[in-house]
Protein backbone atom coordinates (compact mmCIF):
# COMPACT_ATOMS: atom_id res chain seq x y z
CA MET A 1 -2.53 -45.32 -47.82
CA ASN A 2 -0.53 -42.39 -49.57
CA VAL A 3 1.90 -40.07 -47.77
CA VAL A 4 -0.47 -37.21 -47.73
CA GLU A 5 -3.18 -39.26 -46.07
CA ARG A 6 -0.73 -40.43 -43.50
CA ILE A 7 0.41 -36.83 -42.66
CA LEU A 8 -3.32 -35.99 -42.48
CA ARG A 9 -3.99 -38.59 -40.01
CA ILE A 10 -0.79 -37.75 -37.99
CA GLU A 11 -1.90 -34.06 -37.78
CA LYS A 12 -5.38 -34.92 -36.72
CA GLU A 13 -4.05 -37.23 -34.02
CA GLN A 14 -1.69 -34.48 -32.77
CA LYS A 15 -4.43 -32.01 -32.61
CA ARG A 16 -6.64 -34.45 -30.56
CA ARG A 17 -3.75 -35.04 -28.18
CA TYR A 18 -3.07 -31.40 -27.76
CA GLY A 19 -6.83 -30.66 -27.15
CA ASN A 20 -6.84 -33.43 -24.51
CA ASN A 21 -3.64 -32.37 -22.70
CA THR A 22 -4.56 -29.25 -20.82
CA LEU A 23 -1.99 -29.96 -18.34
CA ALA A 24 0.60 -29.32 -20.94
CA ARG A 25 -0.75 -25.80 -21.27
CA TYR A 26 -0.70 -25.02 -17.67
CA ASN A 27 1.46 -21.95 -17.06
CA ALA A 28 3.18 -22.72 -20.26
CA GLY A 29 2.06 -19.56 -22.52
CA GLU A 30 2.90 -15.76 -22.24
CA LYS A 31 0.93 -15.39 -19.17
CA ILE A 32 2.53 -17.17 -16.12
CA HIS A 33 0.88 -17.38 -12.61
CA LEU A 34 3.96 -16.79 -10.60
CA LYS A 35 2.37 -17.81 -7.19
CA GLN A 36 1.37 -20.90 -8.58
CA MET A 37 4.84 -22.00 -9.56
CA GLU A 38 6.07 -20.87 -6.24
CA PHE A 39 3.70 -23.20 -4.61
CA HIS A 40 4.77 -26.21 -6.86
CA ARG A 41 8.44 -25.38 -6.59
CA CYS A 42 8.34 -25.44 -2.77
CA GLN A 43 9.92 -28.54 -1.23
CA LYS A 44 8.02 -28.33 2.17
CA ARG A 45 5.73 -31.32 2.88
CA ASN A 46 2.90 -29.38 4.29
CA ARG A 47 1.92 -26.37 1.89
CA TRP A 48 -1.01 -24.20 1.89
CA VAL A 49 -2.52 -21.46 -0.45
CA PHE A 50 -4.56 -18.96 1.22
CA GLY A 51 -6.42 -17.10 -1.64
CA GLY A 52 -9.49 -15.25 -2.46
CA ASN A 53 -12.25 -16.18 -4.97
CA ARG A 54 -10.79 -16.63 -8.59
CA THR A 55 -7.25 -16.28 -7.62
CA GLY A 56 -6.19 -19.73 -9.13
CA LYS A 57 -5.68 -21.56 -6.00
CA THR A 58 -7.81 -24.63 -6.84
CA GLU A 59 -5.90 -24.94 -10.19
CA CYS A 60 -2.62 -25.36 -7.79
CA GLY A 61 -4.16 -28.44 -6.02
CA ALA A 62 -5.65 -30.06 -9.14
CA VAL A 63 -2.37 -29.83 -11.26
CA GLU A 64 -0.32 -30.76 -8.08
CA THR A 65 -2.47 -33.97 -7.78
CA VAL A 66 -2.44 -34.96 -11.46
CA TRP A 67 1.32 -34.40 -11.65
CA LEU A 68 1.82 -36.65 -8.67
CA ALA A 69 -0.42 -39.37 -10.04
CA ARG A 70 1.19 -39.43 -13.56
CA GLY A 71 4.65 -39.25 -12.00
CA ILE A 72 5.69 -36.33 -13.93
CA HIS A 73 5.96 -33.58 -11.02
CA PRO A 74 8.84 -31.28 -12.34
CA TYR A 75 10.12 -30.40 -8.81
CA ARG A 76 9.88 -33.59 -6.91
CA GLN A 77 11.10 -37.19 -7.13
CA ASN A 78 8.36 -39.19 -8.82
CA LYS A 79 6.81 -42.53 -8.11
CA PRO A 80 3.44 -44.42 -8.48
CA THR A 81 1.10 -42.91 -5.87
CA THR A 82 -2.01 -43.24 -3.84
CA GLY A 83 -3.65 -40.03 -2.71
CA TRP A 84 -7.00 -38.41 -1.45
CA VAL A 85 -8.70 -35.24 -2.69
CA VAL A 86 -10.82 -34.02 0.31
CA SER A 87 -13.78 -31.65 -0.41
CA LEU A 88 -16.36 -30.20 2.07
CA SER A 89 -19.44 -32.04 0.62
CA ARG A 90 -20.31 -34.29 -2.19
CA HIS A 91 -21.74 -31.45 -4.00
CA VAL A 92 -18.61 -29.32 -3.64
CA GLN A 93 -16.50 -32.27 -4.78
CA ARG A 94 -18.56 -32.67 -8.07
CA GLU A 95 -18.57 -28.83 -8.89
CA VAL A 96 -15.07 -28.01 -7.91
CA ALA A 97 -12.22 -30.43 -7.18
CA GLN A 98 -13.45 -33.46 -9.13
CA LYS A 99 -14.13 -31.13 -12.19
CA LYS A 100 -10.59 -29.58 -12.01
CA ILE A 101 -8.98 -32.97 -11.74
CA LEU A 102 -10.88 -34.25 -14.83
CA HIS A 103 -10.09 -30.83 -16.76
CA TYR A 104 -6.35 -31.67 -16.36
CA LEU A 105 -6.53 -35.53 -16.74
CA ASN A 106 -6.03 -36.56 -20.19
CA PRO A 107 -8.75 -39.18 -21.04
CA ASP A 108 -5.84 -41.50 -22.56
CA TRP A 109 -4.38 -41.54 -19.07
CA ILE A 110 -7.36 -42.96 -17.51
CA VAL A 111 -7.47 -46.73 -16.64
CA ASP A 112 -10.77 -46.94 -14.76
CA ILE A 113 -13.24 -44.77 -12.92
CA VAL A 114 -15.22 -46.15 -9.99
CA MET A 115 -18.33 -44.10 -9.23
CA ASP A 116 -19.87 -43.68 -5.84
CA SER A 117 -22.95 -42.45 -7.66
CA GLY A 118 -23.73 -41.76 -11.31
CA LYS A 119 -22.03 -43.43 -14.40
CA SER A 120 -18.44 -44.02 -15.22
CA SER A 121 -19.24 -43.05 -18.70
CA ASN A 122 -20.35 -39.58 -17.52
CA PRO A 123 -18.13 -39.11 -14.36
CA SER A 124 -18.49 -35.25 -14.35
CA GLY A 125 -22.39 -35.71 -13.68
CA GLY A 126 -21.90 -38.09 -10.71
CA ILE A 127 -19.88 -38.63 -7.60
CA ILE A 128 -16.43 -40.21 -8.20
CA ASP A 129 -15.09 -42.74 -5.51
CA TYR A 130 -11.58 -43.04 -7.21
CA ILE A 131 -9.79 -42.75 -10.50
CA ALA A 132 -7.03 -44.96 -11.62
CA VAL A 133 -4.47 -43.30 -13.55
CA ARG A 134 -1.70 -44.76 -15.89
CA ASN A 135 1.62 -43.22 -14.70
CA VAL A 136 4.74 -43.00 -16.69
CA PHE A 137 6.32 -45.80 -14.73
CA GLY A 138 3.99 -48.38 -16.39
CA SER A 139 1.99 -48.96 -13.46
CA VAL A 140 -1.34 -47.35 -12.02
CA SER A 141 -1.71 -44.54 -9.48
CA THR A 142 -4.96 -44.01 -7.60
CA ILE A 143 -6.81 -40.51 -6.97
CA GLY A 144 -9.50 -41.04 -4.29
CA PHE A 145 -12.10 -38.66 -3.31
CA LYS A 146 -13.52 -38.04 0.30
CA THR A 147 -15.84 -35.54 1.76
CA CYS A 148 -15.69 -34.30 5.27
CA GLU A 149 -19.50 -34.38 5.68
CA ALA A 150 -18.75 -38.31 6.03
CA GLY A 151 -17.02 -37.60 9.39
CA ARG A 152 -13.60 -38.40 10.63
CA GLU A 153 -14.14 -42.30 10.87
CA LYS A 154 -14.11 -42.45 7.01
CA PHE A 155 -10.56 -41.30 6.93
CA ALA A 156 -9.15 -43.99 9.00
CA GLY A 157 -6.89 -46.83 7.92
CA ALA A 158 -5.22 -45.99 4.65
CA SER A 159 -1.47 -45.21 3.91
CA LEU A 160 -1.23 -42.43 1.40
CA ASP A 161 1.40 -40.26 -0.49
CA TYR A 162 -0.48 -37.15 -0.36
CA VAL A 163 -3.79 -35.39 0.63
CA TRP A 164 -5.11 -32.34 -1.17
CA PHE A 165 -7.60 -30.32 1.09
CA ASP A 166 -9.92 -28.29 -1.32
CA GLU A 167 -10.94 -25.60 1.18
CA GLU A 168 -10.71 -25.80 5.01
CA PRO A 169 -11.51 -29.34 6.63
CA PRO A 170 -12.57 -29.75 10.18
CA GLU A 171 -9.60 -30.27 12.51
CA ASP A 172 -10.34 -33.94 13.42
CA VAL A 173 -10.42 -34.74 9.58
CA TYR A 174 -7.08 -32.80 8.99
CA ASP A 175 -5.41 -34.71 11.98
CA GLU A 176 -6.66 -38.07 10.72
CA CYS A 177 -5.33 -37.35 7.31
CA ALA A 178 -2.12 -36.17 8.61
CA MET A 179 -1.56 -39.52 10.22
CA ARG A 180 -2.32 -41.30 6.77
CA VAL A 181 0.84 -39.91 5.27
CA VAL A 182 3.18 -40.52 8.19
CA ASP A 183 4.72 -43.91 7.28
CA ARG A 184 5.36 -42.90 3.57
CA LYS A 185 6.57 -39.23 4.60
CA GLY A 186 3.89 -37.95 2.41
CA LEU A 187 2.56 -34.54 1.51
CA LEU A 188 -0.24 -32.44 2.78
CA PHE A 189 -1.47 -29.33 0.66
CA GLY A 190 -4.56 -27.21 0.92
CA THR A 191 -6.07 -24.70 -1.06
CA MET A 192 -8.62 -22.30 0.64
CA THR A 193 -10.33 -19.20 1.17
CA PRO A 194 -10.24 -18.28 5.13
CA LEU A 195 -14.08 -17.87 5.37
CA LEU A 196 -14.29 -19.23 8.91
CA GLY A 197 -11.89 -16.76 10.74
CA LEU A 198 -9.41 -17.63 13.21
CA THR A 199 -9.50 -21.40 13.10
CA PHE A 200 -7.06 -24.13 13.70
CA VAL A 201 -5.56 -23.60 10.25
CA TYR A 202 -4.82 -19.93 11.25
CA LYS A 203 -3.14 -21.10 14.47
CA ARG A 204 -1.27 -24.41 13.10
CA ILE A 205 -0.54 -23.34 9.53
CA TYR A 206 -0.55 -19.58 9.14
CA LEU A 207 1.18 -18.90 12.68
CA ASN A 208 2.75 -22.20 12.61
CA CYS A 209 2.26 -22.26 16.54
CA ASN A 210 4.21 -25.37 16.81
CA SER A 211 7.12 -24.25 14.84
CA ASP A 212 6.95 -27.22 12.32
CA PRO A 213 9.78 -26.73 9.74
CA GLU A 214 7.76 -28.51 7.18
CA VAL A 215 4.78 -26.06 7.19
CA TRP A 216 4.52 -23.29 4.46
CA HIS A 217 1.96 -20.96 3.13
CA ILE A 218 1.42 -18.37 0.51
CA PHE A 219 -1.12 -15.72 -0.01
CA MET A 220 -2.83 -15.41 -3.54
CA GLU A 221 -4.76 -12.40 -4.52
CA TRP A 222 -6.72 -11.18 -7.65
CA ALA A 223 -3.79 -9.16 -8.85
CA ASP A 224 -1.56 -12.33 -8.87
CA ASN A 225 -3.75 -13.96 -11.48
CA PRO A 226 -2.75 -12.92 -14.97
CA TYR A 227 -5.89 -13.96 -16.43
CA LEU A 228 -8.30 -11.70 -14.67
CA ASP A 229 -8.82 -8.12 -16.06
CA PRO A 230 -7.29 -5.39 -13.85
CA ASP A 231 -10.19 -2.85 -14.45
CA GLU A 232 -12.84 -5.68 -13.60
CA VAL A 233 -10.88 -6.36 -10.40
CA GLU A 234 -10.86 -2.83 -9.17
CA ARG A 235 -14.55 -2.39 -10.11
CA VAL A 236 -15.65 -5.27 -8.01
CA SER A 237 -13.26 -4.49 -5.21
CA ALA A 238 -14.58 -1.01 -4.74
CA ALA A 239 -18.00 -2.43 -4.14
CA MET A 240 -16.85 -4.60 -1.22
CA THR A 241 -16.40 -3.75 2.57
CA ASP A 242 -12.97 -3.92 3.89
CA ALA A 243 -13.62 -7.24 5.71
CA GLU A 244 -15.31 -8.71 2.45
CA ARG A 245 -12.06 -7.53 0.32
CA ASP A 246 -9.78 -8.83 2.76
CA VAL A 247 -11.17 -12.42 2.49
CA ARG A 248 -12.67 -12.55 -0.98
CA ARG A 249 -9.90 -10.65 -2.79
CA PHE A 250 -6.70 -11.10 -0.60
CA GLY A 251 -7.56 -14.48 1.15
CA ARG A 252 -6.50 -13.06 4.43
CA PHE A 253 -7.95 -14.43 7.84
CA VAL A 254 -10.07 -11.93 9.50
CA ASP A 255 -11.43 -11.47 12.90
CA VAL A 256 -14.03 -8.87 14.19
CA LYS A 257 -11.39 -7.55 16.81
CA GLY A 258 -8.69 -7.06 14.05
CA ALA A 259 -5.07 -7.34 13.95
CA VAL A 260 -2.80 -4.76 15.75
CA TYR A 261 0.04 -4.64 13.26
CA THR A 262 -1.85 -4.60 10.01
CA GLU A 263 1.18 -3.18 8.23
CA PHE A 264 3.14 -6.29 8.88
CA ASP A 265 3.57 -8.30 5.62
CA GLU A 266 5.77 -11.31 5.53
CA ARG A 267 6.65 -10.65 1.84
CA ILE A 268 8.20 -7.39 2.62
CA HIS A 269 9.50 -7.52 6.31
CA VAL A 270 10.92 -10.97 6.58
CA ILE A 271 14.10 -11.63 4.84
CA PRO A 272 16.73 -14.30 4.64
CA PRO A 273 19.67 -13.95 6.97
CA PHE A 274 22.84 -12.17 5.75
CA ALA A 275 26.18 -11.39 7.30
CA VAL A 276 25.69 -8.14 9.25
CA PRO A 277 28.38 -5.73 8.94
CA HIS A 278 30.12 -5.26 12.31
CA ASP A 279 29.39 -1.31 12.63
CA TRP A 280 25.63 -1.98 12.13
CA GLN A 281 25.46 -4.27 15.35
CA ASP A 282 23.66 -2.37 18.04
CA ARG A 283 21.86 -3.74 21.28
CA LEU A 284 19.90 -6.82 22.31
CA SER A 285 16.40 -6.43 23.94
CA ILE A 286 15.14 -8.84 26.51
CA ASP A 287 11.68 -9.50 27.85
CA PRO A 288 12.50 -11.78 30.93
CA GLY A 289 10.50 -14.93 32.01
CA LEU A 290 10.92 -17.88 34.29
CA ASN A 291 7.90 -19.96 33.71
CA ASN A 292 6.95 -17.81 30.66
CA PRO A 293 9.39 -17.56 27.81
CA LEU A 294 12.06 -15.28 28.10
CA SER A 295 12.30 -13.54 24.56
CA CYS A 296 15.79 -11.78 23.56
CA HIS A 297 16.67 -10.51 20.00
CA TRP A 298 19.68 -8.89 18.29
CA TYR A 299 19.09 -5.75 16.77
CA ALA A 300 21.23 -4.09 14.02
CA VAL A 301 20.88 -0.58 12.39
CA ASP A 302 22.07 0.32 8.91
CA TYR A 303 23.51 3.69 7.68
CA ASP A 304 19.98 4.76 6.58
CA GLY A 305 18.38 3.93 9.89
CA ASN A 306 16.63 0.72 8.85
CA VAL A 307 16.43 -1.83 11.77
CA TYR A 308 17.11 -5.50 11.28
CA VAL A 309 16.28 -8.22 13.86
CA VAL A 310 19.09 -10.65 13.04
CA ALA A 311 18.62 -13.58 15.86
CA GLU A 312 16.43 -14.95 18.47
CA HIS A 313 16.63 -16.68 21.88
CA PHE A 314 13.08 -17.70 23.07
CA GLU A 315 12.68 -20.25 25.63
CA ALA A 316 10.60 -21.09 28.80
CA GLY A 317 11.18 -22.75 32.18
CA LYS A 318 14.76 -21.91 32.41
CA PRO A 319 16.94 -20.16 34.99
CA CYS A 320 18.77 -16.82 34.44
CA ASP A 321 22.27 -18.27 34.13
CA TYR A 322 21.06 -20.44 31.43
CA HIS A 323 19.54 -17.67 29.29
CA CYS A 324 22.86 -15.84 29.72
CA ARG A 325 25.04 -18.78 28.67
CA GLU A 326 22.71 -19.09 25.42
CA ILE A 327 22.70 -15.39 24.74
CA LYS A 328 26.56 -15.42 24.84
CA ARG A 329 26.73 -18.37 22.81
CA ILE A 330 24.56 -16.89 20.10
CA SER A 331 26.40 -13.60 20.26
CA ALA A 332 29.67 -15.44 19.77
CA GLU A 333 28.27 -17.27 16.82
CA LEU A 334 27.25 -14.09 15.17
CA GLY A 335 30.62 -12.29 16.14
CA TRP A 336 28.67 -9.68 18.02
CA HIS A 337 30.59 -6.70 19.61
CA THR A 338 31.31 -6.97 23.23
CA ASP A 339 33.02 -4.77 25.86
CA GLY A 340 36.55 -5.06 27.07
CA LYS A 341 35.47 -7.91 29.45
CA GLY A 342 33.48 -9.90 26.67
CA ARG A 343 29.96 -8.64 27.94
CA VAL A 344 27.08 -7.99 25.79
CA SER A 345 24.77 -4.96 26.15
CA ALA A 346 21.08 -5.24 26.15
CA LEU A 347 17.74 -3.42 27.33
CA ILE A 348 15.45 -5.10 29.63
CA ASP A 349 12.04 -4.78 31.05
CA SER A 350 12.14 -2.36 33.93
CA ALA A 351 10.47 -4.96 36.05
CA ALA A 352 13.66 -6.72 36.27
CA SER A 353 15.25 -4.40 38.64
CA GLN A 354 12.92 -5.14 41.32
CA HIS A 355 13.87 -7.36 44.33
CA THR A 356 11.58 -10.20 45.60
CA LEU A 357 11.16 -11.32 49.00
CA ASN A 358 12.76 -14.54 48.39
CA ALA A 359 15.78 -13.18 46.29
CA GLU A 360 18.98 -11.68 47.33
CA LYS A 361 19.56 -10.17 43.82
CA SER A 362 17.21 -8.73 41.03
CA VAL A 363 16.96 -10.27 37.70
CA ALA A 364 18.86 -7.27 36.21
CA GLU A 365 21.72 -8.11 38.66
CA LEU A 366 21.75 -11.80 37.93
CA PHE A 367 22.17 -10.87 34.19
CA CYS A 368 24.93 -8.43 34.86
CA ASP A 369 26.62 -10.98 37.13
CA ASN A 370 26.47 -13.56 34.18
CA GLY A 371 28.08 -11.15 31.54
CA VAL A 372 24.93 -9.51 30.08
CA LEU A 373 24.97 -5.81 30.88
CA VAL A 374 21.21 -4.95 31.16
CA ASP A 375 19.72 -1.55 30.95
CA THR A 376 16.42 -1.32 32.69
CA ARG A 377 15.72 2.32 31.51
CA VAL A 378 12.85 1.31 28.89
CA ASP A 379 9.94 3.34 27.78
CA LYS A 380 7.03 0.76 28.59
CA ASP A 381 4.19 2.96 27.40
CA LEU A 382 1.92 0.61 25.37
CA PHE A 383 0.49 2.83 22.76
CA SER A 384 3.38 5.07 22.00
CA GLY A 385 5.40 1.59 21.52
CA ILE A 386 2.61 0.20 19.07
CA ASN A 387 2.82 3.52 17.12
CA ARG A 388 6.45 3.35 16.81
CA VAL A 389 6.44 -0.32 15.64
CA LYS A 390 3.83 0.71 13.09
CA GLN A 391 5.98 3.47 12.05
CA TYR A 392 9.07 1.32 11.59
CA LEU A 393 6.61 -1.33 9.71
CA MET A 394 5.74 1.16 7.21
CA THR A 395 6.21 4.98 6.68
CA ASP A 396 5.09 6.63 3.71
CA GLY A 397 4.92 3.37 2.00
CA LYS A 398 8.49 2.45 2.95
CA PRO A 399 9.52 -0.13 5.47
CA ARG A 400 12.07 0.25 7.98
CA LEU A 401 11.96 -2.88 9.88
CA PHE A 402 13.40 -6.11 8.54
CA ILE A 403 13.41 -9.47 10.37
CA PHE A 404 15.50 -12.57 9.49
CA ASP A 405 13.22 -15.60 8.70
CA THR A 406 15.04 -17.51 11.66
CA CYS A 407 13.20 -15.35 14.15
CA VAL A 408 10.15 -17.38 14.00
CA ASN A 409 8.45 -16.39 17.29
CA LEU A 410 8.58 -12.80 16.60
CA ILE A 411 7.27 -13.33 13.14
CA ARG A 412 4.53 -15.39 14.74
CA GLU A 413 3.62 -12.85 17.30
CA LEU A 414 3.43 -9.87 14.86
CA LYS A 415 0.80 -11.88 12.89
CA ALA A 416 -1.21 -13.03 15.95
CA TYR A 417 -1.42 -9.75 17.98
CA ARG A 418 -4.99 -8.53 18.03
CA TRP A 419 -7.17 -6.02 19.71
CA GLY A 420 -9.29 -7.11 22.60
CA ASP A 421 -12.08 -5.36 24.24
CA GLY A 422 -11.79 -1.72 24.52
CA ASP A 423 -8.69 -0.17 23.05
CA ARG A 424 -6.07 -2.67 24.40
CA PRO A 425 -4.66 -5.53 22.66
CA VAL A 426 -5.20 -9.08 24.07
CA LYS A 427 -2.42 -9.67 26.69
CA THR A 428 -1.12 -12.99 25.42
CA ASP A 429 1.88 -14.15 23.35
CA ASP A 430 3.28 -10.83 23.34
CA HIS A 431 6.78 -11.33 25.02
CA CYS A 432 8.91 -10.64 21.67
CA LEU A 433 6.59 -7.79 20.97
CA ASP A 434 7.26 -6.04 24.34
CA GLU A 435 10.98 -6.31 23.91
CA LEU A 436 10.67 -4.96 20.34
CA ARG A 437 8.91 -2.05 21.69
CA TYR A 438 11.60 -1.28 24.06
CA TYR A 439 14.13 -1.25 21.53
CA LEU A 440 12.28 0.89 18.99
CA MET A 441 11.20 3.42 21.58
CA LYS A 442 15.06 4.04 22.14
CA ARG A 443 15.21 5.57 18.67
CA PRO A 444 18.14 3.46 17.14
CA ILE A 445 20.70 5.76 16.00
CA PRO A 446 22.47 4.79 12.38
CA PRO A 447 26.00 4.21 12.59
CA LYS A 448 28.30 6.78 10.80
CA ARG A 449 29.35 5.85 7.46
CA GLU A 450 33.10 5.44 7.01
CA ASN A 451 34.38 7.91 4.66
CA VAL A 452 36.39 5.82 2.32
CA LYS A 453 38.27 8.09 -0.24
CA SER A 454 38.30 7.21 -4.08
CA GLU A 455 41.41 6.80 -6.01
CA ILE A 456 40.71 10.27 -7.66
CA GLN A 457 40.44 12.01 -4.43
CA LEU A 458 43.76 10.32 -3.17
CA ASP A 459 45.48 11.60 -6.38
CA LYS A 460 44.18 15.04 -5.88
CA GLU A 461 45.55 15.19 -2.41
CA ARG A 462 49.01 13.81 -3.61
CA LEU A 463 48.90 16.46 -6.16
CA ILE A 464 48.24 19.30 -3.75
CA ARG A 465 50.94 18.16 -1.40
CA ARG A 466 53.50 18.16 -4.23
CA ILE A 467 52.46 21.63 -5.14
CA LYS A 468 52.82 22.79 -1.66
CA HIS A 469 56.17 21.42 -1.23
CA GLY A 470 57.49 22.86 -4.64
CA GLY A 471 56.88 20.19 -6.80
CA ARG A 472 58.62 17.37 -4.56
CA ARG A 473 56.98 14.21 -3.99
């Protein structure tokens, strides 16, 4: 074989390998799906993509699975793995998740395919039980396929490194799969369009009601997918109802009664903590509770009137003196301003001034006795308060309320607060929102900006003084 023939054979093999290796072309060209890469980079162990149709969410799950099986994940510590891909039904498995896995899985990497039905010579036409994948460590990883229609019992027993949920599973299947990854400290990740409304995924993942530090989510909409034509996106959107658009385009959770604070957007209003300047510090606001949670937040206002919620104390079943100690402890950690006696100032529900038959002092008096000076003169009008919060969330397209991401209970309540029967919100899980209203109804006043003179101004003043004094310095 001469040199030219060898070069031609090498080029042919290179083309074949490049054609088979679609994984190498994932987000590697001029167009990058930024939300997909944000999902892959996230180090949390329970990650979910809530997306509309054709947003690229399923691609995330398929690529994540193949990366883990091959041991080439660019953002995680790699090893041989055993995992499951969970679909709603056999039909959906074949048409969606299974097809995507095969699309990104180079045939050269496949050691074996075991079929549940159909032929291994044509895996895309049947139902796959599992795929044995050659990983870069010289051993074999396994990608197993499960369907929710088989029932929870079919998910018992295994020990896994990861589970990918392609669309929303039943809660009992989710719980069983969560047990499968415990001993290996494995991963759960889901990609779904929230068609079923306010289900357990809404509560446990989106709201993160259990405050699990490993839970994370991201929303994907059509505009996030760089491969969709913007004109087509707008044409299809215009033909949809608002509810259809929320789900099918934006991947939002929709309830017939609707969210109260539709203006709230975590990507805009939730920010990382930063050192708050001392002159921005304003007051605390408290919604008291004994059996119910007591909610307290620290509020700051910048020179432009933007409000920042910078810290949170939220706890139930504790006496007043305990809450006061915690409030003073957190205030000390923040370097929060106090009066001459080391006391902090706060707003509190006006009901705290009432005396009960069994108590010598009111709740407000107990707070004051313990070094938290509370002001019960708050405006509790519900609808005016809701409107004020909405104005701070978004006025003329500009947000004026920002919340540190450590205030997890306030964030959860803002997302969950919904209209009930008639024109009133459901009276539940609103302790943080009550004291947020009390604070914003007080119309926070921006601090005066300190007038710092420039060197040019100082030079001018020195020159004027010299002229006034006959040229003397």
